[in-house]
C-alpha atoms as a PDB file:
ATOM      1  CA  MET A   1      -0.065  -0.067   0.130  1.00  0.00           C
ATOM      2  CA  GLU A   2       1.179   3.642  -1.124  1.00  0.00           C
ATOM      3  CA  LEU A   3       2.233   5.529   2.357  1.00  0.00           C
ATOM      4  CA  LYS A   4      -0.500   8.295   1.394  1.00  0.00           C
ATOM      5  CA  GLU A   5      -3.145   5.550   1.142  1.00  0.00           C
ATOM      6  CA  LEU A   6      -1.766   3.674   4.165  1.00  0.00           C
ATOM      7  CA  LEU A   7      -2.303   7.229   6.117  1.00  0.00           C
ATOM      8  CA  ILE A   8      -5.690   8.169   4.911  1.00  0.00           C
ATOM      9  CA  LYS A   9      -7.134   4.445   5.614  1.00  0.00           C
ATOM     10  CA  LEU A  10      -5.164   5.142   9.353  1.00  0.00           C
ATOM     11  CA  ALA A  11      -6.613   8.625   9.849  1.00  0.00           C
ATOM     12  CA  ASP A  12      -9.698   6.785   9.387  1.00  0.00           C
ATOM     13  CA  ALA A  13     -10.008   4.202  11.452  1.00  0.00           C
ATOM     14  CA  ASP A  14     -11.561   4.039  14.724  1.00  0.00           C
ATOM     15  CA  GLY A  15      -8.479   4.311  17.202  1.00  0.00           C
ATOM     16  CA  VAL A  16     -10.142   5.911  20.408  1.00  0.00           C
ATOM     17  CA  SER A  17      -8.480   4.075  23.550  1.00  0.00           C
ATOM     18  CA  GLY A  18     -10.689   0.576  23.386  1.00  0.00           C
ATOM     19  CA  LEU A  19     -10.978   0.709  19.739  1.00  0.00           C
ATOM     20  CA  ASP A  20      -9.168  -1.517  17.800  1.00  0.00           C
ATOM     21  CA  GLY A  21     -10.319  -0.452  14.128  1.00  0.00           C
ATOM     22  CA  ALA A  22      -6.341   1.645  13.508  1.00  0.00           C
ATOM     23  CA  LEU A  23      -4.774  -1.266  14.718  1.00  0.00           C
ATOM     24  CA  ASP A  24      -6.536  -4.030  12.510  1.00  0.00           C
ATOM     25  CA  ILE A  25      -5.247  -1.972   9.433  1.00  0.00           C
ATOM     26  CA  ALA A  26      -1.536  -1.710  10.664  1.00  0.00           C
ATOM     27  CA  GLU A  27      -1.691  -5.478  11.413  1.00  0.00           C
ATOM     28  CA  LYS A  28      -2.460  -6.181   8.001  1.00  0.00           C
ATOM     29  CA  GLU A  29       0.995  -4.330   6.726  1.00  0.00           C
ATOM     30  CA  LEU A  30       3.304  -5.216   9.403  1.00  0.00           C
ATOM     31  CA  SER A  31       1.908  -8.739   9.364  1.00  0.00           C
ATOM     32  CA  PRO A  32       4.261  -9.903   6.209  1.00  0.00           C
ATOM     33  CA  LEU A  33       7.197  -8.475   7.731  1.00  0.00           C
ATOM     34  CA  GLY A  34       7.304 -10.133  11.315  1.00  0.00           C
ATOM     35  CA  LYS A  35       5.755 -11.354  14.055  1.00  0.00           C
ATOM     36  CA  ILE A  36       2.763  -9.734  15.328  1.00  0.00           C
ATOM     37  CA  SER A  37       1.816  -9.525  19.335  1.00  0.00           C
ATOM     38  CA  ARG A  38      -1.006  -7.271  20.897  1.00  0.00           C
ATOM     39  CA  ASP A  39      -0.443  -5.984  24.382  1.00  0.00           C
ATOM     40  CA  ASN A  40      -2.398  -5.840  27.348  1.00  0.00           C
ATOM     41  CA  MET A  41      -3.201  -1.685  27.086  1.00  0.00           C
ATOM     42  CA  GLY A  42      -4.320  -2.307  23.349  1.00  0.00           C
ATOM     43  CA  GLY A  43      -0.963  -1.851  21.277  1.00  0.00           C
ATOM     44  CA  LEU A  44       0.369  -3.478  18.710  1.00  0.00           C
ATOM     45  CA  ALA A  45       4.156  -4.612  18.212  1.00  0.00           C
ATOM     46  CA  ALA A  46       5.871  -5.953  15.227  1.00  0.00           C
ATOM     47  CA  GLU A  47       9.062  -8.695  16.315  1.00  0.00           C
ATOM     48  CA  ILE A  48      11.022  -8.533  12.449  1.00  0.00           C
ATOM     49  CA  LYS A  49      13.979  -9.859  13.204  1.00  0.00           C
ATOM     50  CA  GLY A  50      17.444  -8.448  11.400  1.00  0.00           C
ATOM     51  CA  LYS A  51      21.164  -9.564  10.290  1.00  0.00           C
ATOM     52  CA  LYS A  52      22.360  -8.111  13.627  1.00  0.00           C
ATOM     53  CA  ASP A  53      21.452  -8.949  17.182  1.00  0.00           C
ATOM     54  CA  TYR A  54      20.813  -5.577  18.246  1.00  0.00           C
ATOM     55  CA  THR A  55      17.513  -3.855  18.901  1.00  0.00           C
ATOM     56  CA  ILE A  56      16.000  -0.911  17.947  1.00  0.00           C
ATOM     57  CA  LEU A  57      12.531   0.193  18.920  1.00  0.00           C
ATOM     58  CA  LEU A  58      10.186   2.438  16.755  1.00  0.00           C
ATOM     59  CA  ASP A  59       7.669   3.833  18.348  1.00  0.00           C
ATOM     60  CA  ALA A  60       4.352   5.437  17.566  1.00  0.00           C
ATOM     61  CA  HIS A  61       0.991   5.990  19.262  1.00  0.00           C
ATOM     62  CA  ILE A  62      -2.069   5.070  17.608  1.00  0.00           C
ATOM     63  CA  ASP A  63      -4.271   6.514  19.789  1.00  0.00           C
ATOM     64  CA  GLU A  64      -6.473   8.951  19.020  1.00  0.00           C
ATOM     65  CA  ILE A  65      -8.835  12.157  21.207  1.00  0.00           C
ATOM     66  CA  GLY A  66     -12.369  10.987  22.099  1.00  0.00           C
ATOM     67  CA  MET A  67     -15.071  10.569  24.070  1.00  0.00           C
ATOM     68  CA  MET A  68     -17.003   8.285  25.631  1.00  0.00           C
ATOM     69  CA  VAL A  69     -20.513   8.197  27.510  1.00  0.00           C
ATOM     70  CA  THR A  70     -21.508   9.393  30.507  1.00  0.00           C
ATOM     71  CA  ALA A  71     -25.389   9.688  30.545  1.00  0.00           C
ATOM     72  CA  ILE A  72     -28.490   8.797  27.531  1.00  0.00           C
ATOM     73  CA  ASP A  73     -31.053  11.682  28.594  1.00  0.00           C
ATOM     74  CA  ASP A  74     -34.276  11.693  26.681  1.00  0.00           C
ATOM     75  CA  GLY A  75     -32.016  11.266  23.678  1.00  0.00           C
ATOM     76  CA  PHE A  76     -29.465  13.544  23.786  1.00  0.00           C
ATOM     77  CA  ILE A  77     -25.901  11.883  25.419  1.00  0.00           C
ATOM     78  CA  ARG A  78     -23.576  13.021  28.043  1.00  0.00           C
ATOM     79  CA  VAL A  79     -20.056  12.634  27.785  1.00  0.00           C
ATOM     80  CA  ALA A  80     -16.758  12.860  28.953  1.00  0.00           C
ATOM     81  CA  LYS A  81     -12.990  13.731  27.246  1.00  0.00           C
ATOM     82  CA  CYS A  82     -11.290  11.147  27.105  1.00  0.00           C
ATOM     83  CA  GLY A  83      -8.059  12.085  25.905  1.00  0.00           C
ATOM     84  CA  GLY A  84      -7.454  16.183  25.637  1.00  0.00           C
ATOM     85  CA  VAL A  85     -10.083  17.456  23.702  1.00  0.00           C
ATOM     86  CA  ASP A  86     -10.306  20.783  22.844  1.00  0.00           C
ATOM     87  CA  VAL A  87     -13.577  21.535  23.597  1.00  0.00           C
ATOM     88  CA  ARG A  88     -13.694  24.815  21.623  1.00  0.00           C
ATOM     89  CA  THR A  89     -14.059  22.483  18.342  1.00  0.00           C
ATOM     90  CA  LEU A  90     -17.004  20.291  19.354  1.00  0.00           C
ATOM     91  CA  ILE A  91     -20.129  22.689  19.234  1.00  0.00           C
ATOM     92  CA  SER A  92     -22.133  21.533  15.996  1.00  0.00           C
ATOM     93  CA  GLN A  93     -19.591  19.009  15.287  1.00  0.00           C
ATOM     94  CA  GLU A  94     -20.493  15.394  13.490  1.00  0.00           C
ATOM     95  CA  VAL A  95     -19.659  12.458  15.711  1.00  0.00           C
ATOM     96  CA  ILE A  96     -19.849   8.368  15.605  1.00  0.00           C
ATOM     97  CA  ILE A  97     -21.453   7.298  19.183  1.00  0.00           C
ATOM     98  CA  HIS A  98     -19.404   3.409  18.900  1.00  0.00           C
ATOM     99  CA  GLY A  99     -22.542   1.610  19.895  1.00  0.00           C
ATOM    100  CA  LYS A 100     -23.721  -1.938  19.417  1.00  0.00           C
ATOM    101  CA  GLU A 101     -24.123  -1.042  15.747  1.00  0.00           C
ATOM    102  CA  ASN A 102     -22.470   2.933  15.056  1.00  0.00           C
ATOM    103  CA  VAL A 103     -24.938   5.420  15.490  1.00  0.00           C
ATOM    104  CA  PHE A 104     -24.220   9.419  14.004  1.00  0.00           C
ATOM    105  CA  GLY A 105     -24.793  12.674  15.928  1.00  0.00           C
ATOM    106  CA  VAL A 106     -23.963  16.068  16.273  1.00  0.00           C
ATOM    107  CA  PHE A 107     -22.992  18.289  19.054  1.00  0.00           C
ATOM    108  CA  CYS A 108     -25.806  20.630  19.988  1.00  0.00           C
ATOM    109  CA  SER A 109     -25.805  24.430  19.707  1.00  0.00           C
ATOM    110  CA  ILE A 110     -27.162  27.082  21.747  1.00  0.00           C
ATOM    111  CA  PRO A 111     -28.234  29.932  18.993  1.00  0.00           C
ATOM    112  CA  PRO A 112     -26.235  33.611  19.403  1.00  0.00           C
ATOM    113  CA  HIS A 113     -29.505  35.137  19.715  1.00  0.00           C
ATOM    114  CA  LEU A 114     -30.142  33.467  23.005  1.00  0.00           C
ATOM    115  CA  LYS A 115     -26.926  33.481  24.933  1.00  0.00           C
ATOM    116  CA  LYS A 116     -26.016  36.186  27.124  1.00  0.00           C
ATOM    117  CA  ASP A 117     -22.298  35.894  26.143  1.00  0.00           C
ATOM    118  CA  SER A 118     -21.772  34.681  22.867  1.00  0.00           C
ATOM    119  CA  ASN A 119     -18.448  34.050  23.434  1.00  0.00           C
ATOM    120  CA  GLU A 120     -18.717  31.671  25.966  1.00  0.00           C
ATOM    121  CA  ILE A 121     -16.936  28.328  25.339  1.00  0.00           C
ATOM    122  CA  PRO A 122     -19.770  25.666  27.780  1.00  0.00           C
ATOM    123  CA  ASP A 123     -17.674  22.963  29.742  1.00  0.00           C
ATOM    124  CA  ILE A 124     -17.784  19.272  28.073  1.00  0.00           C
ATOM    125  CA  ASP A 125     -20.167  18.363  30.858  1.00  0.00           C
ATOM    126  CA  GLU A 126     -22.732  21.148  29.772  1.00  0.00           C
ATOM    127  CA  MET A 127     -22.457  19.406  26.126  1.00  0.00           C
ATOM    128  CA  ALA A 128     -24.464  17.326  24.723  1.00  0.00           C
ATOM    129  CA  ILE A 129     -25.052  14.570  21.435  1.00  0.00           C
ATOM    130  CA  ASP A 130     -28.533  14.771  19.217  1.00  0.00           C
ATOM    131  CA  THR A 131     -28.697  11.794  17.828  1.00  0.00           C
ATOM    132  CA  GLY A 132     -32.379  11.827  17.417  1.00  0.00           C
ATOM    133  CA  LEU A 133     -33.406   8.834  18.854  1.00  0.00           C
ATOM    134  CA  SER A 134     -35.853   8.640  21.889  1.00  0.00           C
ATOM    135  CA  LYS A 135     -34.207   7.619  25.160  1.00  0.00           C
ATOM    136  CA  ASP A 136     -35.509   4.026  24.799  1.00  0.00           C
ATOM    137  CA  GLU A 137     -34.474   3.902  21.364  1.00  0.00           C
ATOM    138  CA  ALA A 138     -31.177   5.058  22.088  1.00  0.00           C
ATOM    139  CA  GLU A 139     -30.949   3.040  25.343  1.00  0.00           C
ATOM    140  CA  LYS A 140     -31.064  -0.391  22.721  1.00  0.00           C
ATOM    141  CA  ILE A 141     -27.998   0.823  21.050  1.00  0.00           C
ATOM    142  CA  ILE A 142     -26.118   2.668  23.400  1.00  0.00           C
ATOM    143  CA  SER A 143     -24.493   1.806  26.506  1.00  0.00           C
ATOM    144  CA  ILE A 144     -22.717   4.554  29.263  1.00  0.00           C
ATOM    145  CA  GLY A 145     -18.838   3.606  28.132  1.00  0.00           C
ATOM    146  CA  ASP A 146     -19.628   3.861  24.641  1.00  0.00           C
ATOM    147  CA  ARG A 147     -16.602   5.000  23.056  1.00  0.00           C
ATOM    148  CA  ILE A 148     -16.763   8.568  20.641  1.00  0.00           C
ATOM    149  CA  SER A 149     -15.431   9.285  17.446  1.00  0.00           C
ATOM    150  CA  PHE A 150     -14.912  12.214  15.606  1.00  0.00           C
ATOM    151  CA  ARG A 151     -17.182  11.407  11.885  1.00  0.00           C
ATOM    152  CA  GLN A 152     -14.697  13.160   9.533  1.00  0.00           C
ATOM    153  CA  LYS A 153     -12.953  11.410   6.826  1.00  0.00           C
ATOM    154  CA  ALA A 154      -9.230  12.508   5.906  1.00  0.00           C
ATOM    155  CA  VAL A 155      -8.775  14.580   2.550  1.00  0.00           C
ATOM    156  CA  SER A 156      -6.451  15.673  -0.014  1.00  0.00           C
ATOM    157  CA  LEU A 157      -6.068  19.180  -0.262  1.00  0.00           C
ATOM    158  CA  ILE A 158      -3.695  21.405  -2.599  1.00  0.00           C
ATOM    159  CA  GLY A 159      -0.458  20.496  -2.773  1.00  0.00           C
ATOM    160  CA  ASP A 160       0.512  17.416  -0.470  1.00  0.00           C
ATOM    161  CA  ARG A 161      -0.918  18.162   2.523  1.00  0.00           C
ATOM    162  CA  VAL A 162      -3.714  16.223   4.150  1.00  0.00           C
ATOM    163  CA  THR A 163      -6.539  16.465   7.052  1.00  0.00           C
ATOM    164  CA  GLY A 164      -8.227  14.684   8.904  1.00  0.00           C
ATOM    165  CA  LYS A 165      -9.311  13.497  12.470  1.00  0.00           C
ATOM    166  CA  SER A 166      -6.756  11.367  13.860  1.00  0.00           C
ATOM    167  CA  LEU A 167      -3.302  12.391  11.844  1.00  0.00           C
ATOM    168  CA  ASP A 168      -1.839  12.728  15.886  1.00  0.00           C
ATOM    169  CA  ASN A 169      -0.008  10.582  15.589  1.00  0.00           C
ATOM    170  CA  ARG A 170      -1.547   8.332  12.756  1.00  0.00           C
ATOM    171  CA  ALA A 171       1.395  10.200  10.699  1.00  0.00           C
ATOM    172  CA  GLY A 172       4.015   8.909  12.995  1.00  0.00           C
ATOM    173  CA  CYS A 173       2.249   5.619  12.087  1.00  0.00           C
ATOM    174  CA  ALA A 174       2.733   5.250   8.862  1.00  0.00           C
ATOM    175  CA  ALA A 175       6.137   6.697   9.079  1.00  0.00           C
ATOM    176  CA  VAL A 176       7.664   3.670  11.256  1.00  0.00           C
ATOM    177  CA  ILE A 177       5.668   1.197   9.437  1.00  0.00           C
ATOM    178  CA  GLU A 178       7.080   2.890   6.408  1.00  0.00           C
ATOM    179  CA  ALA A 179      10.673   2.961   7.790  1.00  0.00           C
ATOM    180  CA  ALA A 180      10.295  -0.627   8.779  1.00  0.00           C
ATOM    181  CA  LYS A 181       9.552  -1.890   4.813  1.00  0.00           C
ATOM    182  CA  LEU A 182      12.352   0.403   3.892  1.00  0.00           C
ATOM    183  CA  LEU A 183      14.722  -1.234   6.282  1.00  0.00           C
ATOM    184  CA  CYS A 184      12.727  -5.067   5.250  1.00  0.00           C
ATOM    185  CA  ALA A 185      13.294  -3.340   1.367  1.00  0.00           C
ATOM    186  CA  ASP A 186      16.457  -5.673   0.111  1.00  0.00           C
ATOM    187  CA  GLY A 187      15.364  -8.658   2.223  1.00  0.00           C
ATOM    188  CA  GLU A 188      16.603  -8.434   5.747  1.00  0.00           C
ATOM    189  CA  ALA A 189      16.523  -5.783   8.205  1.00  0.00           C
ATOM    190  CA  PRO A 190      20.194  -4.351   9.691  1.00  0.00           C
ATOM    191  CA  CYS A 191      18.712  -4.812  12.824  1.00  0.00           C
ATOM    192  CA  ASN A 192      16.212  -6.341  15.214  1.00  0.00           C
ATOM    193  CA  ILE A 193      13.527  -3.321  14.432  1.00  0.00           C
ATOM    194  CA  ILE A 194      10.519  -3.472  16.740  1.00  0.00           C
ATOM    195  CA  VAL A 195       7.438  -1.081  15.638  1.00  0.00           C
ATOM    196  CA  SER A 196       5.506  -0.504  18.276  1.00  0.00           C
ATOM    197  CA  LEU A 197       2.353   1.174  17.465  1.00  0.00           C
ATOM    198  CA  SER A 198       1.676   1.656  21.304  1.00  0.00           C
ATOM    199  CA  ALA A 199      -1.463   2.465  23.136  1.00  0.00           C
ATOM    200  CA  GLN A 200      -3.126   4.968  25.783  1.00  0.00           C
ATOM    201  CA  GLU A 201      -0.413   7.749  24.898  1.00  0.00           C
ATOM    202  CA  GLU A 202      -3.394  10.276  25.589  1.00  0.00           C
ATOM    203  CA  LEU A 203      -4.336   9.146  28.643  1.00  0.00           C
ATOM    204  CA  GLY A 204      -0.617   9.488  30.119  1.00  0.00           C
ATOM    205  CA  LEU A 205       1.782   7.878  28.363  1.00  0.00           C
ATOM    206  CA  ARG A 206       0.220   4.552  28.944  1.00  0.00           C
ATOM    207  CA  GLY A 207       1.041   2.101  26.689  1.00  0.00           C
ATOM    208  CA  ALA A 208       4.455   2.860  25.756  1.00  0.00           C
ATOM    209  CA  ARG A 209       5.751   2.376  29.297  1.00  0.00           C
ATOM    210  CA  THR A 210       4.342  -1.715  29.613  1.00  0.00           C
ATOM    211  CA  ALA A 211       5.488  -1.758  25.639  1.00  0.00           C
ATOM    212  CA  THR A 212       9.446  -0.937  26.018  1.00  0.00           C
ATOM    213  CA  PHE A 213       9.061  -2.884  29.458  1.00  0.00           C
ATOM    214  CA  ASN A 214       8.314  -5.799  27.412  1.00  0.00           C
ATOM    215  CA  HIS A 215      10.854  -5.711  24.628  1.00  0.00           C
ATOM    216  CA  PHE A 216      13.322  -3.635  26.331  1.00  0.00           C
ATOM    217  CA  PRO A 217      15.088  -2.537  22.948  1.00  0.00           C
ATOM    218  CA  ASN A 218      19.050  -1.296  23.197  1.00  0.00           C
ATOM    219  CA  GLU A 219      17.914   1.844  21.835  1.00  0.00           C
ATOM    220  CA  ALA A 220      14.499   3.883  20.569  1.00  0.00           C
ATOM    221  CA  ILE A 221      12.959   6.395  18.192  1.00  0.00           C
ATOM    222  CA  VAL A 222       9.604   7.631  19.083  1.00  0.00           C
ATOM    223  CA  VAL A 223       7.899   9.145  16.332  1.00  0.00           C
ATOM    224  CA  ASP A 224       5.077  12.369  17.037  1.00  0.00           C
ATOM    225  CA  VAL A 225       3.638  15.068  15.731  1.00  0.00           C
ATOM    226  CA  SER A 226       4.807  18.574  16.549  1.00  0.00           C
ATOM    227  CA  PHE A 227       2.886  21.983  16.672  1.00  0.00           C
ATOM    228  CA  GLY A 228       3.536  23.264  13.185  1.00  0.00           C
ATOM    229  CA  ALA A 229       3.809  26.962  12.446  1.00  0.00           C
ATOM    230  CA  PHE A 230       0.826  29.164  12.547  1.00  0.00           C
ATOM    231  CA  GLN A 231      -0.167  33.039  12.966  1.00  0.00           C
ATOM    232  CA  GLY A 232       0.497  33.788  16.603  1.00  0.00           C
ATOM    233  CA  ILE A 233       2.019  30.978  17.896  1.00  0.00           C
ATOM    234  CA  PRO A 234       5.925  32.076  18.689  1.00  0.00           C
ATOM    235  CA  SER A 235       7.633  30.692  16.257  1.00  0.00           C
ATOM    236  CA  GLN A 236      10.416  28.605  18.701  1.00  0.00           C
ATOM    237  CA  LYS A 237       7.737  26.470  19.268  1.00  0.00           C
ATOM    238  CA  THR A 238       7.243  25.339  16.529  1.00  0.00           C
ATOM    239  CA  GLY A 239       7.959  23.899  13.357  1.00  0.00           C
ATOM    240  CA  LYS A 240       6.874  24.800   9.388  1.00  0.00           C
ATOM    241  CA  LEU A 241       4.709  21.984   7.051  1.00  0.00           C
ATOM    242  CA  SER A 242       6.871  20.832   4.163  1.00  0.00           C
ATOM    243  CA  LYS A 243      10.544  21.901   5.919  1.00  0.00           C
ATOM    244  CA  GLY A 244      11.444  18.173   7.419  1.00  0.00           C
ATOM    245  CA  PRO A 245      10.992  16.205  10.113  1.00  0.00           C
ATOM    246  CA  MET A 246      11.221  18.117  13.167  1.00  0.00           C
ATOM    247  CA  ILE A 247      14.625  16.414  15.258  1.00  0.00           C
ATOM    248  CA  CYS A 248      14.105  17.109  18.920  1.00  0.00           C
ATOM    249  CA  ILE A 249      17.526  18.350  21.008  1.00  0.00           C
ATOM    250  CA  SER A 250      16.749  17.659  25.115  1.00  0.00           C
ATOM    251  CA  PRO A 251      18.143  17.026  28.506  1.00  0.00           C
ATOM    252  CA  ILE A 252      15.975  13.224  27.958  1.00  0.00           C
ATOM    253  CA  THR A 253      17.052  12.625  24.617  1.00  0.00           C
ATOM    254  CA  ASP A 254      20.395  10.659  23.776  1.00  0.00           C
ATOM    255  CA  ARG A 255      22.722  12.819  22.246  1.00  0.00           C
ATOM    256  CA  TYR A 256      25.066  10.542  20.730  1.00  0.00           C
ATOM    257  CA  MET A 257      21.471   9.033  18.327  1.00  0.00           C
ATOM    258  CA  THR A 258      20.133  13.012  18.533  1.00  0.00           C
ATOM    259  CA  ASN A 259      23.670  13.858  16.628  1.00  0.00           C
ATOM    260  CA  CYS A 260      23.745  11.197  14.355  1.00  0.00           C
ATOM    261  CA  LEU A 261      19.880  11.784  13.033  1.00  0.00           C
ATOM    262  CA  ILE A 262      21.297  15.702  12.877  1.00  0.00           C
ATOM    263  CA  ASP A 263      24.686  14.875  10.571  1.00  0.00           C
ATOM    264  CA  ILE A 264      22.994  11.946   8.180  1.00  0.00           C
ATOM    265  CA  CYS A 265      20.107  14.698   7.397  1.00  0.00           C
ATOM    266  CA  GLU A 266      22.952  17.288   6.907  1.00  0.00           C
ATOM    267  CA  ASP A 267      24.974  14.670   4.996  1.00  0.00           C
ATOM    268  CA  GLN A 268      22.394  14.143   2.213  1.00  0.00           C
ATOM    269  CA  ASN A 269      21.278  17.457   2.063  1.00  0.00           C
ATOM    270  CA  MET A 270      17.661  16.611   3.571  1.00  0.00           C
ATOM    271  CA  PRO A 271      15.751  19.183   4.904  1.00  0.00           C
ATOM    272  CA  TYR A 272      14.594  19.081   9.124  1.00  0.00           C
ATOM    273  CA  GLN A 273      14.074  21.448  11.505  1.00  0.00           C
ATOM    274  CA  ARG A 274      15.867  21.316  15.014  1.00  0.00           C
ATOM    275  CA  GLU A 275      13.401  21.480  17.815  1.00  0.00           C
ATOM    276  CA  VAL A 276      14.451  22.366  21.461  1.00  0.00           C
ATOM    277  CA  CYS A 277      12.198  21.052  24.787  1.00  0.00           C
ATOM    278  CA  GLY A 278      14.178  22.009  28.012  1.00  0.00           C
ATOM    279  CA  SER A 279      13.216  19.926  29.858  1.00  0.00           C
ATOM    280  CA  SER A 280      10.503  16.789  28.898  1.00  0.00           C
ATOM    281  CA  THR A 281       8.794  16.481  25.826  1.00  0.00           C
ATOM    282  CA  GLY A 282       5.336  15.462  26.298  1.00  0.00           C
ATOM    283  CA  THR A 283       5.922  12.589  24.674  1.00  0.00           C
ATOM    284  CA  ASN A 284       6.733   8.669  25.218  1.00  0.00           C
ATOM    285  CA  ALA A 285      10.044   9.941  24.687  1.00  0.00           C
ATOM    286  CA  ASP A 286       9.553  10.381  28.467  1.00  0.00           C
ATOM    287  CA  ILE A 287       8.556   7.575  29.134  1.00  0.00           C
ATOM    288  CA  ILE A 288      10.552   4.919  27.229  1.00  0.00           C
ATOM    289  CA  SER A 289      13.892   6.822  27.895  1.00  0.00           C
ATOM    290  CA  VAL A 290      12.965   5.586  32.140  1.00  0.00           C
ATOM    291  CA  THR A 291      12.327   2.251  31.494  1.00  0.00           C
ATOM    292  CA  LYS A 292      13.521  -0.925  33.397  1.00  0.00           C
ATOM    293  CA  SER A 293      16.729   0.662  33.624  1.00  0.00           C
ATOM    294  CA  GLY A 294      17.052   2.979  31.215  1.00  0.00           C
ATOM    295  CA  VAL A 295      16.548   3.501  27.280  1.00  0.00           C
ATOM    296  CA  ARG A 296      18.574   5.712  24.983  1.00  0.00           C
ATOM    297  CA  THR A 297      15.777   7.069  22.849  1.00  0.00           C
ATOM    298  CA  ALA A 298      15.872   9.698  20.191  1.00  0.00           C
ATOM    299  CA  LEU A 299      12.212  12.061  19.299  1.00  0.00           C
ATOM    300  CA  VAL A 300      11.940  12.838  14.850  1.00  0.00           C
ATOM    301  CA  SER A 301       8.350  14.845  14.869  1.00  0.00           C
ATOM    302  CA  ILE A 302       5.891  15.750  12.329  1.00  0.00           C
ATOM    303  CA  PRO A 303       5.202  19.555  12.370  1.00  0.00           C
ATOM    304  CA  LEU A 304       1.372  19.287  12.358  1.00  0.00           C
ATOM    305  CA  LEU A 305      -1.402  22.154  12.540  1.00  0.00           C
ATOM    306  CA  ASN A 306      -4.738  22.073  14.256  1.00  0.00           C
ATOM    307  CA  MET A 307      -3.861  19.547  17.071  1.00  0.00           C
ATOM    308  CA  HIS A 308      -6.469  17.771  18.622  1.00  0.00           C
ATOM    309  CA  THR A 309      -9.126  19.369  16.189  1.00  0.00           C
ATOM    310  CA  ALA A 310     -10.672  17.045  13.302  1.00  0.00           C
ATOM    311  CA  ALA A 311      -9.079  18.783  10.878  1.00  0.00           C
ATOM    312  CA  GLU A 312      -5.056  17.905  12.241  1.00  0.00           C
ATOM    313  CA  THR A 313      -2.627  19.327   9.046  1.00  0.00           C
ATOM    314  CA  ILE A 314       0.192  17.856   8.232  1.00  0.00           C
ATOM    315  CA  SER A 315       2.371  17.666   4.656  1.00  0.00           C
ATOM    316  CA  MET A 316       2.832  14.441   3.398  1.00  0.00           C
ATOM    317  CA  SER A 317       7.110  15.219   2.510  1.00  0.00           C
ATOM    318  CA  ASP A 318       7.453  15.474   6.589  1.00  0.00           C
ATOM    319  CA  VAL A 319       5.515  11.820   6.941  1.00  0.00           C
ATOM    320  CA  GLU A 320       8.073  10.834   4.199  1.00  0.00           C
ATOM    321  CA  GLY A 321      11.230  12.608   5.302  1.00  0.00           C
ATOM    322  CA  THR A 322      10.668  11.096   8.389  1.00  0.00           C
ATOM    323  CA  ALA A 323      10.817   7.491   7.484  1.00  0.00           C
ATOM    324  CA  LYS A 324      13.264   7.739   5.522  1.00  0.00           C
ATOM    325  CA  LEU A 325      15.397   9.585   8.368  1.00  0.00           C
ATOM    326  CA  ILE A 326      14.809   6.303  10.707  1.00  0.00           C
ATOM    327  CA  ALA A 327      15.810   3.921   8.268  1.00  0.00           C
ATOM    328  CA  ASP A 328      18.798   5.494   7.495  1.00  0.00           C
ATOM    329  CA  TYR A 329      19.791   6.260  10.839  1.00  0.00           C
ATOM    330  CA  VAL A 330      19.222   2.248  11.558  1.00  0.00           C
ATOM    331  CA  ARG A 331      21.454   1.366   8.636  1.00  0.00           C
ATOM    332  CA  LYS A 332      24.007   3.869  10.013  1.00  0.00           C
ATOM    333  CA  ALA A 333      23.602   3.114  13.509  1.00  0.00           C
ATOM    334  CA  VAL A 334      24.430  -1.196  13.400  1.00  0.00           C
ATOM    335  CA  LYS A 335      27.484  -0.405  11.210  1.00  0.00           C
END
């Protein structure tokens, strides 16, 4: 499957913590490369045997933000956040309630004419989803605790940009899957590769901790998304779309690995950007690096606009560049 097609299929799939749609797609892509397993947290790993007895873990979290049903009130569904949902974007948003069957709904919106303050944003506890069903009808197919995802299909924009509901972090998943394919293109990877599509990152970096404990690699590369440049955001906190992957420089990331990634980009004239995190990174790198006795870890991020909304946007060239950079790093690291 071509990289863009894979990314769009992953982005469209269900993946709020507890749903397996995205995992099923990833498993089909990775199963020809190695042994597939799923862990108790809801993550997936592909163990790829290589020429050298040295193991590098490639991590990208596969879960997405969403919601859960908390109450059914006369056909209106009350919800709680499952991850860092931006409540500002929910009003009038279309969603899918994953009950006994999928139920489409829309978040209710009070007309501005009837609000004292039209700029007021309600708490999520005050919001409700309209399904068009009566309470009795809704309770037959919807249960407390059912997951809710955004009803948004990924689409191509002008140029090489793609927008969708869960590019955080299906873009990273697509990149590490593509990197694994590149490393296996000649028949055998240069070393053992673990592709870890970890669960529950949006709930506190949970899945990466157990996945890394289970496989305990010699080193790890984490791929996530980071803030794309936009008006009103300080430039030092963002990366520009289509300008290459963002290589993180942080006290918690391994200096040798980071420098090696930068050297590869400069030697090959590959576009890249430096991202400085003065302490923790807010990604799975924070957890992976301190698992067991510690794992040497690097972080590469894909710039993304509109984070934690249903209209997240990335550049395909950044995803492709990330995959190539990781593959080139692995080849260089095991020589």
